[in-house]
Each structure stands twice: as C-alpha cells, then as structure tokens.
Amino acid sequence: HAVELARDTVQQVAADTHRRWADFLNDRVGGLLNAMGHGAQQLRFGDDLDFSVRIGNGQQLARGKADVQLSAGARDQLYLAVRLAVSEFLSRGGDPVPFLLDDVFTPSDDERTRAGMKLLIEQFARDHQVLLLTCHRKRFEALAAMDPELYRERIHWVDAAAFTRAS
C-alpha cells in the first residue's frame, strides 16, 4: 500500500509540475517569438511538455512536423524562445541563470537576427549574464553599427583568439 501511495503521489506531483511548466511556456514563448519576428501564430505546450505550433497559413504542426517544415532560422528561433522561457522559469527564485548561446542566429536572416539581439539585450541582459559565442563577429558588429545606442553600454566584445595568442 505504501509503494502504491508513493507512486501515486510522485505521479501527481509530476503532472502538476508539467502543467505549471506548460502554462508558463504557453504564456511566455509566444511573446518571445513575436519579439523576434517569428511567423508563428500560436504555440501550445501540452501537459507532457511536447508542443505544437500554428504557422502563418493557419496549419497546426506537431513538434516533429514543425522541425521538418519550418526554415532553419524559424526553427532555431522557436527553440531559442523555449530555452529563454525555461531559463526565466528557473530564475524565478531570484538567482538568474546565465545564458551561454553558441551561434544561435547563424541560420537567421539579418532582420530576425537584429530582432533577436534586441530581445536579448533589452529583456535578458538586464537580469542575466548573456554570453554569445559566434564565428560571425563582423555580422554582429554591423548590427551594432545599425543600433549604436542599444549596443554601446551593454555589449562587450571579447576576441578569444587574443587569449590564445597571449598564452
């Protein structure tokens, strides 16, 4: 009887936790996608934390189909928005988690990259340490030249090659 009670309790706690995560992600991810210029009309997480997305033509796609039908840039934006929202959820207790992002905008066009960087700088860099690794520094320097006020005080460029040469 004790084992069955423990199993039922763990299952109930897991279901409640998944529901809270799904509610948070349903509320937050759509807003992040809109800020990045993503064409998704709606993103819905279920209690199993799997999701479906409604794209611009009104078609509802399960995660597996979305992975295949979305462009690489749109797909990467979608998963970046999920990662950011999960990090926000984990940071609710007052200890913001840092973000380590490795070339998350490589497949995105310049307009989406610019919107994504603006989102990171304005909404996340205030409360989180954001480290963006890239092989495309010139691209980001060009974006910074387009929005100098946004980048001036908030972005610190580090050349990893300089550390290698110095050692």
N, C-alpha and C. Protein backbone atom coordinates (compact mmCIF):
# COMPACT_ATOMS: atom_id res chain seq x y z
N HIS A 1 0.83 -1.19 0.00
CA HIS A 1 0.00 0.00 0.00
C HIS A 1 0.88 1.26 0.00
N ALA A 2 1.97 1.25 0.77
CA ALA A 2 2.86 2.41 0.86
C ALA A 2 3.51 2.70 -0.49
N VAL A 3 3.90 1.67 -1.21
CA VAL A 3 4.53 1.84 -2.52
C VAL A 3 3.53 2.44 -3.51
N GLU A 4 2.31 1.96 -3.49
CA GLU A 4 1.28 2.50 -4.38
C GLU A 4 0.99 3.96 -4.05
N LEU A 5 0.92 4.29 -2.78
CA LEU A 5 0.69 5.66 -2.36
C LEU A 5 1.84 6.56 -2.82
N ALA A 6 3.08 6.09 -2.66
CA ALA A 6 4.25 6.86 -3.10
C ALA A 6 4.23 7.06 -4.61
N ARG A 7 3.91 6.00 -5.36
CA ARG A 7 3.85 6.10 -6.82
C ARG A 7 2.79 7.11 -7.25
N ASP A 8 1.62 7.03 -6.65
CA ASP A 8 0.53 7.95 -6.99
C ASP A 8 0.90 9.39 -6.65
N THR A 9 1.56 9.57 -5.53
CA THR A 9 1.98 10.92 -5.12
C THR A 9 3.00 11.49 -6.09
N VAL A 10 4.00 10.69 -6.46
CA VAL A 10 5.01 11.15 -7.41
C VAL A 10 4.37 11.46 -8.76
N GLN A 11 3.46 10.63 -9.22
CA GLN A 11 2.79 10.89 -10.49
C GLN A 11 1.97 12.17 -10.44
N GLN A 12 1.30 12.42 -9.33
CA GLN A 12 0.51 13.64 -9.19
C GLN A 12 1.39 14.88 -9.15
N VAL A 13 2.49 14.81 -8.42
CA VAL A 13 3.42 15.94 -8.36
C VAL A 13 4.02 16.21 -9.74
N ALA A 14 4.40 15.15 -10.45
CA ALA A 14 4.95 15.32 -11.80
C ALA A 14 3.91 15.94 -12.73
N ALA A 15 2.68 15.49 -12.67
CA ALA A 15 1.62 16.04 -13.52
C ALA A 15 1.39 17.52 -13.20
N ASP A 16 1.36 17.86 -11.92
CA ASP A 16 1.18 19.27 -11.52
C ASP A 16 2.34 20.13 -11.99
N THR A 17 3.56 19.61 -11.85
CA THR A 17 4.75 20.34 -12.29
C THR A 17 4.72 20.56 -13.79
N HIS A 18 4.40 19.52 -14.55
CA HIS A 18 4.32 19.66 -16.01
C HIS A 18 3.25 20.67 -16.40
N ARG A 19 2.14 20.67 -15.71
CA ARG A 19 1.06 21.61 -16.01
C ARG A 19 1.52 23.05 -15.76
N ARG A 20 2.24 23.27 -14.65
CA ARG A 20 2.75 24.62 -14.35
C ARG A 20 3.76 25.06 -15.41
N TRP A 21 4.65 24.15 -15.79
CA TRP A 21 5.63 24.46 -16.84
C TRP A 21 4.90 24.78 -18.14
N ALA A 22 3.95 23.95 -18.52
CA ALA A 22 3.22 24.16 -19.78
C ALA A 22 2.48 25.49 -19.75
N ASP A 23 1.83 25.83 -18.64
CA ASP A 23 1.13 27.11 -18.55
C ASP A 23 2.10 28.27 -18.72
N PHE A 24 3.24 28.21 -18.04
CA PHE A 24 4.23 29.27 -18.15
C PHE A 24 4.74 29.38 -19.59
N LEU A 25 5.12 28.26 -20.18
CA LEU A 25 5.65 28.27 -21.54
C LEU A 25 4.61 28.76 -22.55
N ASN A 26 3.36 28.36 -22.37
CA ASN A 26 2.29 28.83 -23.26
C ASN A 26 2.15 30.35 -23.19
N ASP A 27 2.29 30.90 -22.00
CA ASP A 27 2.17 32.35 -21.84
C ASP A 27 3.38 33.09 -22.39
N ARG A 28 4.57 32.55 -22.20
CA ARG A 28 5.79 33.31 -22.46
C ARG A 28 6.40 33.12 -23.85
N VAL A 29 6.42 31.91 -24.35
CA VAL A 29 7.14 31.63 -25.60
C VAL A 29 6.55 32.40 -26.78
N GLY A 30 5.24 32.50 -26.87
CA GLY A 30 4.62 33.24 -27.96
C GLY A 30 5.06 34.69 -28.01
N GLY A 31 5.14 35.33 -26.84
CA GLY A 31 5.61 36.71 -26.79
C GLY A 31 7.05 36.85 -27.24
N LEU A 32 7.89 35.90 -26.86
CA LEU A 32 9.29 35.93 -27.29
C LEU A 32 9.39 35.74 -28.79
N LEU A 33 8.60 34.83 -29.33
CA LEU A 33 8.62 34.61 -30.78
C LEU A 33 8.17 35.86 -31.53
N ASN A 34 7.14 36.52 -31.03
CA ASN A 34 6.68 37.76 -31.68
C ASN A 34 7.77 38.82 -31.65
N ALA A 35 8.48 38.94 -30.53
CA ALA A 35 9.54 39.93 -30.42
C ALA A 35 10.69 39.65 -31.39
N MET A 36 10.89 38.39 -31.76
CA MET A 36 11.95 38.03 -32.70
C MET A 36 11.46 38.05 -34.15
N GLY A 37 10.20 38.36 -34.38
CA GLY A 37 9.68 38.42 -35.74
C GLY A 37 9.36 37.07 -36.33
N HIS A 38 9.11 36.10 -35.48
CA HIS A 38 8.78 34.74 -35.94
C HIS A 38 7.35 34.75 -36.47
N GLY A 39 7.07 33.94 -37.46
CA GLY A 39 5.75 33.91 -38.08
C GLY A 39 4.74 33.01 -37.41
N ALA A 40 5.07 32.41 -36.28
CA ALA A 40 4.12 31.51 -35.61
C ALA A 40 2.94 32.30 -35.08
N GLN A 41 1.75 31.77 -35.29
CA GLN A 41 0.55 32.40 -34.78
C GLN A 41 0.25 31.95 -33.36
N GLN A 42 0.59 30.70 -33.05
CA GLN A 42 0.29 30.16 -31.73
C GLN A 42 1.22 28.99 -31.45
N LEU A 43 1.65 28.88 -30.21
CA LEU A 43 2.46 27.76 -29.77
C LEU A 43 1.79 27.21 -28.52
N ARG A 44 1.53 25.91 -28.51
CA ARG A 44 0.83 25.30 -27.37
C ARG A 44 1.63 24.12 -26.84
N PHE A 45 1.91 24.17 -25.55
CA PHE A 45 2.56 23.06 -24.85
C PHE A 45 1.49 22.25 -24.14
N GLY A 46 1.61 20.93 -24.23
CA GLY A 46 0.71 20.04 -23.51
C GLY A 46 1.29 19.68 -22.16
N ASP A 47 0.53 18.93 -21.39
CA ASP A 47 0.99 18.51 -20.07
C ASP A 47 2.21 17.60 -20.14
N ASP A 48 2.47 17.02 -21.31
CA ASP A 48 3.67 16.20 -21.49
C ASP A 48 4.86 17.06 -21.93
N LEU A 49 4.66 18.36 -22.03
CA LEU A 49 5.65 19.37 -22.43
C LEU A 49 6.08 19.27 -23.89
N ASP A 50 5.39 18.46 -24.67
CA ASP A 50 5.59 18.49 -26.10
C ASP A 50 4.74 19.66 -26.62
N PHE A 51 5.02 20.14 -27.81
CA PHE A 51 4.29 21.31 -28.30
C PHE A 51 3.86 21.14 -29.74
N SER A 52 2.94 22.01 -30.10
CA SER A 52 2.54 22.16 -31.49
C SER A 52 2.57 23.65 -31.79
N VAL A 53 2.69 23.97 -33.05
CA VAL A 53 2.79 25.37 -33.47
C VAL A 53 1.86 25.60 -34.65
N ARG A 54 1.16 26.72 -34.61
CA ARG A 54 0.31 27.12 -35.74
C ARG A 54 1.11 28.16 -36.53
N ILE A 55 1.36 27.85 -37.80
CA ILE A 55 2.17 28.74 -38.62
C ILE A 55 1.28 29.72 -39.39
N GLY A 56 1.92 30.60 -40.14
CA GLY A 56 1.24 31.70 -40.81
C GLY A 56 0.04 31.33 -41.66
N ASN A 57 0.04 30.16 -42.28
CA ASN A 57 -1.09 29.78 -43.12
C ASN A 57 -2.22 29.13 -42.33
N GLY A 58 -2.10 29.10 -40.99
CA GLY A 58 -3.13 28.52 -40.14
C GLY A 58 -2.96 27.05 -39.86
N GLN A 59 -1.97 26.43 -40.49
CA GLN A 59 -1.74 25.00 -40.30
C GLN A 59 -1.14 24.73 -38.92
N GLN A 60 -1.69 23.77 -38.21
CA GLN A 60 -1.20 23.35 -36.90
C GLN A 60 -0.20 22.22 -37.10
N LEU A 61 1.02 22.37 -36.61
CA LEU A 61 2.06 21.38 -36.78
C LEU A 61 2.52 20.84 -35.44
N ALA A 62 2.56 19.54 -35.30
CA ALA A 62 3.17 18.94 -34.12
C ALA A 62 4.68 19.22 -34.19
N ARG A 63 5.35 19.11 -33.06
CA ARG A 63 6.78 19.44 -33.00
C ARG A 63 7.58 18.73 -34.10
N GLY A 64 7.36 17.46 -34.28
CA GLY A 64 8.11 16.70 -35.29
C GLY A 64 7.92 17.24 -36.70
N LYS A 65 6.69 17.60 -37.04
CA LYS A 65 6.43 18.16 -38.37
C LYS A 65 6.97 19.59 -38.48
N ALA A 66 6.90 20.35 -37.39
CA ALA A 66 7.43 21.71 -37.41
C ALA A 66 8.94 21.68 -37.64
N ASP A 67 9.62 20.71 -37.05
CA ASP A 67 11.06 20.59 -37.25
C ASP A 67 11.41 20.42 -38.72
N VAL A 68 10.56 19.75 -39.46
CA VAL A 68 10.82 19.48 -40.87
C VAL A 68 10.34 20.63 -41.75
N GLN A 69 9.21 21.24 -41.43
CA GLN A 69 8.59 22.21 -42.33
C GLN A 69 9.05 23.65 -42.11
N LEU A 70 9.52 23.98 -40.93
CA LEU A 70 9.99 25.35 -40.69
C LEU A 70 11.38 25.52 -41.28
N SER A 71 11.69 26.75 -41.67
CA SER A 71 13.06 27.02 -42.12
C SER A 71 14.01 26.86 -40.94
N ALA A 72 15.28 26.71 -41.24
CA ALA A 72 16.28 26.53 -40.17
C ALA A 72 16.27 27.73 -39.23
N GLY A 73 16.14 28.95 -39.78
CA GLY A 73 16.12 30.15 -38.95
C GLY A 73 14.89 30.19 -38.05
N ALA A 74 13.72 29.88 -38.61
CA ALA A 74 12.48 29.89 -37.82
C ALA A 74 12.51 28.80 -36.75
N ARG A 75 13.03 27.65 -37.10
CA ARG A 75 13.13 26.54 -36.14
C ARG A 75 14.08 26.91 -34.99
N ASP A 76 15.24 27.50 -35.34
CA ASP A 76 16.19 27.88 -34.30
C ASP A 76 15.62 28.98 -33.40
N GLN A 77 14.86 29.91 -33.96
CA GLN A 77 14.22 30.94 -33.15
C GLN A 77 13.22 30.32 -32.18
N LEU A 78 12.47 29.36 -32.66
CA LEU A 78 11.50 28.67 -31.84
C LEU A 78 12.17 28.02 -30.63
N TYR A 79 13.23 27.28 -30.89
CA TYR A 79 13.92 26.60 -29.79
C TYR A 79 14.66 27.59 -28.89
N LEU A 80 15.16 28.69 -29.43
CA LEU A 80 15.78 29.72 -28.60
C LEU A 80 14.73 30.31 -27.66
N ALA A 81 13.55 30.61 -28.18
CA ALA A 81 12.48 31.17 -27.34
C ALA A 81 12.11 30.20 -26.22
N VAL A 82 12.06 28.92 -26.52
CA VAL A 82 11.76 27.92 -25.48
C VAL A 82 12.88 27.91 -24.44
N ARG A 83 14.13 27.92 -24.88
CA ARG A 83 15.25 27.93 -23.93
C ARG A 83 15.22 29.16 -23.05
N LEU A 84 14.94 30.31 -23.64
CA LEU A 84 14.88 31.55 -22.85
C LEU A 84 13.76 31.50 -21.83
N ALA A 85 12.60 31.01 -22.24
CA ALA A 85 11.46 30.91 -21.32
C ALA A 85 11.75 29.93 -20.19
N VAL A 86 12.36 28.80 -20.50
CA VAL A 86 12.71 27.83 -19.47
C VAL A 86 13.69 28.46 -18.48
N SER A 87 14.65 29.20 -19.00
CA SER A 87 15.62 29.87 -18.13
C SER A 87 14.95 30.90 -17.23
N GLU A 88 13.99 31.62 -17.78
CA GLU A 88 13.22 32.56 -16.94
C GLU A 88 12.49 31.82 -15.83
N PHE A 89 11.87 30.71 -16.19
CA PHE A 89 11.13 29.92 -15.20
C PHE A 89 12.07 29.47 -14.09
N LEU A 90 13.24 29.01 -14.46
CA LEU A 90 14.21 28.53 -13.47
C LEU A 90 14.81 29.67 -12.64
N SER A 91 14.71 30.90 -13.13
CA SER A 91 15.30 32.04 -12.45
C SER A 91 14.31 32.78 -11.54
N ARG A 92 13.11 32.25 -11.40
CA ARG A 92 12.08 32.97 -10.64
C ARG A 92 12.45 33.18 -9.17
N GLY A 93 13.31 32.36 -8.60
CA GLY A 93 13.65 32.46 -7.19
C GLY A 93 14.62 33.58 -6.87
N GLY A 94 15.06 34.33 -7.84
CA GLY A 94 15.94 35.45 -7.57
C GLY A 94 17.38 35.23 -8.01
N ASP A 95 17.75 34.02 -8.37
CA ASP A 95 19.09 33.74 -8.88
C ASP A 95 19.01 33.49 -10.38
N PRO A 96 19.20 34.55 -11.18
CA PRO A 96 19.06 34.37 -12.63
C PRO A 96 20.16 33.46 -13.18
N VAL A 97 19.75 32.53 -14.01
CA VAL A 97 20.72 31.64 -14.64
C VAL A 97 21.37 32.37 -15.81
N PRO A 98 22.65 32.10 -16.05
CA PRO A 98 23.31 32.71 -17.21
C PRO A 98 22.91 32.00 -18.49
N PHE A 99 23.05 32.70 -19.60
CA PHE A 99 22.79 32.13 -20.91
C PHE A 99 24.11 32.00 -21.65
N LEU A 100 24.40 30.82 -22.13
CA LEU A 100 25.54 30.58 -22.99
C LEU A 100 24.96 30.13 -24.33
N LEU A 101 25.08 30.99 -25.32
CA LEU A 101 24.46 30.77 -26.62
C LEU A 101 25.55 30.67 -27.68
N ASP A 102 25.54 29.59 -28.43
CA ASP A 102 26.56 29.35 -29.44
C ASP A 102 25.96 29.50 -30.83
N ASP A 103 26.25 30.62 -31.46
CA ASP A 103 25.81 30.91 -32.83
C ASP A 103 24.34 30.61 -33.07
N VAL A 104 23.48 31.10 -32.16
CA VAL A 104 22.05 30.81 -32.27
C VAL A 104 21.38 31.52 -33.44
N PHE A 105 22.02 32.53 -34.02
CA PHE A 105 21.39 33.26 -35.12
C PHE A 105 22.02 32.95 -36.48
N THR A 106 22.88 31.96 -36.57
CA THR A 106 23.57 31.66 -37.82
C THR A 106 22.60 31.43 -38.98
N PRO A 107 21.54 30.61 -38.83
CA PRO A 107 20.66 30.39 -39.99
C PRO A 107 19.61 31.49 -40.17
N SER A 108 19.58 32.48 -39.29
CA SER A 108 18.56 33.53 -39.37
C SER A 108 19.01 34.64 -40.32
N ASP A 109 18.02 35.25 -40.97
CA ASP A 109 18.34 36.40 -41.80
C ASP A 109 18.68 37.59 -40.89
N ASP A 110 19.18 38.65 -41.49
CA ASP A 110 19.65 39.79 -40.69
C ASP A 110 18.53 40.46 -39.90
N GLU A 111 17.33 40.52 -40.47
CA GLU A 111 16.20 41.14 -39.78
C GLU A 111 15.84 40.36 -38.51
N ARG A 112 15.78 39.05 -38.61
CA ARG A 112 15.47 38.23 -37.43
C ARG A 112 16.62 38.26 -36.43
N THR A 113 17.85 38.28 -36.93
CA THR A 113 18.99 38.35 -36.02
C THR A 113 18.97 39.67 -35.26
N ARG A 114 18.69 40.75 -35.97
CA ARG A 114 18.61 42.06 -35.32
C ARG A 114 17.52 42.08 -34.25
N ALA A 115 16.35 41.53 -34.56
CA ALA A 115 15.25 41.47 -33.58
C ALA A 115 15.62 40.56 -32.41
N GLY A 116 16.26 39.44 -32.69
CA GLY A 116 16.67 38.53 -31.62
C GLY A 116 17.70 39.15 -30.70
N MET A 117 18.67 39.85 -31.27
CA MET A 117 19.68 40.53 -30.44
C MET A 117 19.04 41.63 -29.60
N LYS A 118 18.12 42.36 -30.18
CA LYS A 118 17.43 43.41 -29.43
C LYS A 118 16.69 42.79 -28.24
N LEU A 119 16.04 41.67 -28.46
CA LEU A 119 15.35 40.97 -27.38
C LEU A 119 16.33 40.55 -26.29
N LEU A 120 17.44 39.95 -26.68
CA LEU A 120 18.44 39.51 -25.70
C LEU A 120 18.99 40.69 -24.90
N ILE A 121 19.30 41.76 -25.60
CA ILE A 121 19.91 42.91 -24.93
C ILE A 121 18.90 43.61 -24.02
N GLU A 122 17.72 43.90 -24.52
CA GLU A 122 16.75 44.68 -23.76
C GLU A 122 16.05 43.88 -22.66
N GLN A 123 15.72 42.63 -22.93
CA GLN A 123 14.90 41.90 -21.96
C GLN A 123 15.68 40.92 -21.10
N PHE A 124 16.82 40.44 -21.57
CA PHE A 124 17.52 39.40 -20.81
C PHE A 124 18.83 39.86 -20.21
N ALA A 125 19.57 40.72 -20.89
CA ALA A 125 20.87 41.14 -20.38
C ALA A 125 20.77 41.98 -19.10
N ARG A 126 19.60 42.52 -18.82
CA ARG A 126 19.43 43.28 -17.57
C ARG A 126 19.56 42.37 -16.36
N ASP A 127 18.99 41.18 -16.46
CA ASP A 127 18.91 40.29 -15.30
C ASP A 127 19.79 39.05 -15.40
N HIS A 128 20.28 38.75 -16.58
CA HIS A 128 21.06 37.53 -16.81
C HIS A 128 22.38 37.89 -17.45
N GLN A 129 23.39 37.10 -17.16
CA GLN A 129 24.63 37.21 -17.91
C GLN A 129 24.39 36.46 -19.22
N VAL A 130 24.64 37.12 -20.33
CA VAL A 130 24.43 36.51 -21.64
C VAL A 130 25.78 36.45 -22.35
N LEU A 131 26.20 35.24 -22.68
CA LEU A 131 27.43 35.04 -23.44
C LEU A 131 27.04 34.46 -24.79
N LEU A 132 27.35 35.20 -25.83
CA LEU A 132 27.03 34.77 -27.19
C LEU A 132 28.35 34.48 -27.91
N LEU A 133 28.53 33.24 -28.25
CA LEU A 133 29.71 32.82 -29.00
C LEU A 133 29.36 32.81 -30.48
N THR A 134 30.28 33.31 -31.30
CA THR A 134 30.00 33.35 -32.72
C THR A 134 31.28 33.32 -33.54
N CYS A 135 31.17 32.78 -34.71
CA CYS A 135 32.25 32.84 -35.72
C CYS A 135 31.97 33.97 -36.70
N HIS A 136 30.92 34.73 -36.46
CA HIS A 136 30.45 35.75 -37.40
C HIS A 136 30.47 37.13 -36.75
N ARG A 137 31.60 37.51 -36.16
CA ARG A 137 31.69 38.77 -35.43
C ARG A 137 31.37 39.97 -36.31
N LYS A 138 31.84 39.96 -37.54
CA LYS A 138 31.58 41.10 -38.44
C LYS A 138 30.08 41.33 -38.61
N ARG A 139 29.32 40.27 -38.67
CA ARG A 139 27.86 40.40 -38.80
C ARG A 139 27.28 41.14 -37.60
N PHE A 140 27.73 40.78 -36.41
CA PHE A 140 27.20 41.42 -35.20
C PHE A 140 27.73 42.83 -35.04
N GLU A 141 28.94 43.09 -35.49
CA GLU A 141 29.46 44.45 -35.48
C GLU A 141 28.64 45.34 -36.43
N ALA A 142 28.22 44.78 -37.55
CA ALA A 142 27.38 45.53 -38.49
C ALA A 142 26.02 45.83 -37.86
N LEU A 143 25.47 44.86 -37.14
CA LEU A 143 24.20 45.09 -36.44
C LEU A 143 24.37 46.15 -35.37
N ALA A 144 25.49 46.11 -34.66
CA ALA A 144 25.76 47.10 -33.62
C ALA A 144 25.87 48.50 -34.23
N ALA A 145 26.43 48.60 -35.42
CA ALA A 145 26.54 49.90 -36.09
C ALA A 145 25.16 50.45 -36.46
N MET A 146 24.19 49.55 -36.67
CA MET A 146 22.83 49.98 -37.00
C MET A 146 22.07 50.47 -35.77
N ASP A 147 22.43 49.95 -34.59
CA ASP A 147 21.77 50.32 -33.33
C ASP A 147 22.82 50.68 -32.27
N PRO A 148 23.61 51.73 -32.51
CA PRO A 148 24.73 52.01 -31.61
C PRO A 148 24.32 52.26 -30.16
N GLU A 149 23.20 52.92 -29.94
CA GLU A 149 22.76 53.18 -28.56
C GLU A 149 22.43 51.89 -27.82
N LEU A 150 21.83 50.95 -28.52
CA LEU A 150 21.46 49.68 -27.91
C LEU A 150 22.70 48.90 -27.48
N TYR A 151 23.74 48.92 -28.30
CA TYR A 151 24.92 48.10 -28.07
C TYR A 151 25.98 48.80 -27.21
N ARG A 152 26.03 50.12 -27.24
CA ARG A 152 27.14 50.89 -26.67
C ARG A 152 27.51 50.48 -25.25
N GLU A 153 26.61 50.53 -24.34
CA GLU A 153 26.91 50.28 -22.93
C GLU A 153 26.71 48.82 -22.52
N ARG A 154 26.08 48.05 -23.36
CA ARG A 154 25.63 46.72 -22.92
C ARG A 154 26.41 45.56 -23.51
N ILE A 155 27.16 45.80 -24.58
CA ILE A 155 27.86 44.71 -25.26
C ILE A 155 29.35 44.89 -25.07
N HIS A 156 30.01 43.82 -24.68
CA HIS A 156 31.46 43.80 -24.53
C HIS A 156 32.01 42.73 -25.45
N TRP A 157 32.81 43.15 -26.40
CA TRP A 157 33.37 42.23 -27.38
C TRP A 157 34.63 41.60 -26.81
N VAL A 158 34.74 40.31 -26.94
CA VAL A 158 35.93 39.59 -26.49
C VAL A 158 36.43 38.76 -27.68
N ASP A 159 37.72 38.88 -27.95
CA ASP A 159 38.32 38.11 -29.03
C ASP A 159 39.05 36.93 -28.41
N ALA A 160 38.48 35.73 -28.55
CA ALA A 160 39.08 34.55 -27.97
C ALA A 160 40.45 34.26 -28.56
N ALA A 161 40.67 34.62 -29.79
CA ALA A 161 41.97 34.38 -30.43
C ALA A 161 43.06 35.16 -29.70
N ALA A 162 42.72 36.31 -29.16
CA ALA A 162 43.71 37.11 -28.42
C ALA A 162 44.18 36.36 -27.18
N PHE A 163 43.30 35.62 -26.55
CA PHE A 163 43.68 34.83 -25.38
C PHE A 163 44.63 33.71 -25.79
N THR A 164 44.39 33.11 -26.93
CA THR A 164 45.23 32.03 -27.42
C THR A 164 46.62 32.55 -27.76
N ARG A 165 46.70 33.70 -28.42
CA ARG A 165 47.99 34.29 -28.80
C ARG A 165 48.77 34.71 -27.57
N ALA A 166 48.08 35.18 -26.52
CA ALA A 166 48.74 35.66 -25.31
C ALA A 166 49.33 34.52 -24.46
N SER A 167 48.79 33.32 -24.61
CA SER A 167 49.27 32.23 -23.75
C SER A 167 50.36 31.43 -24.35
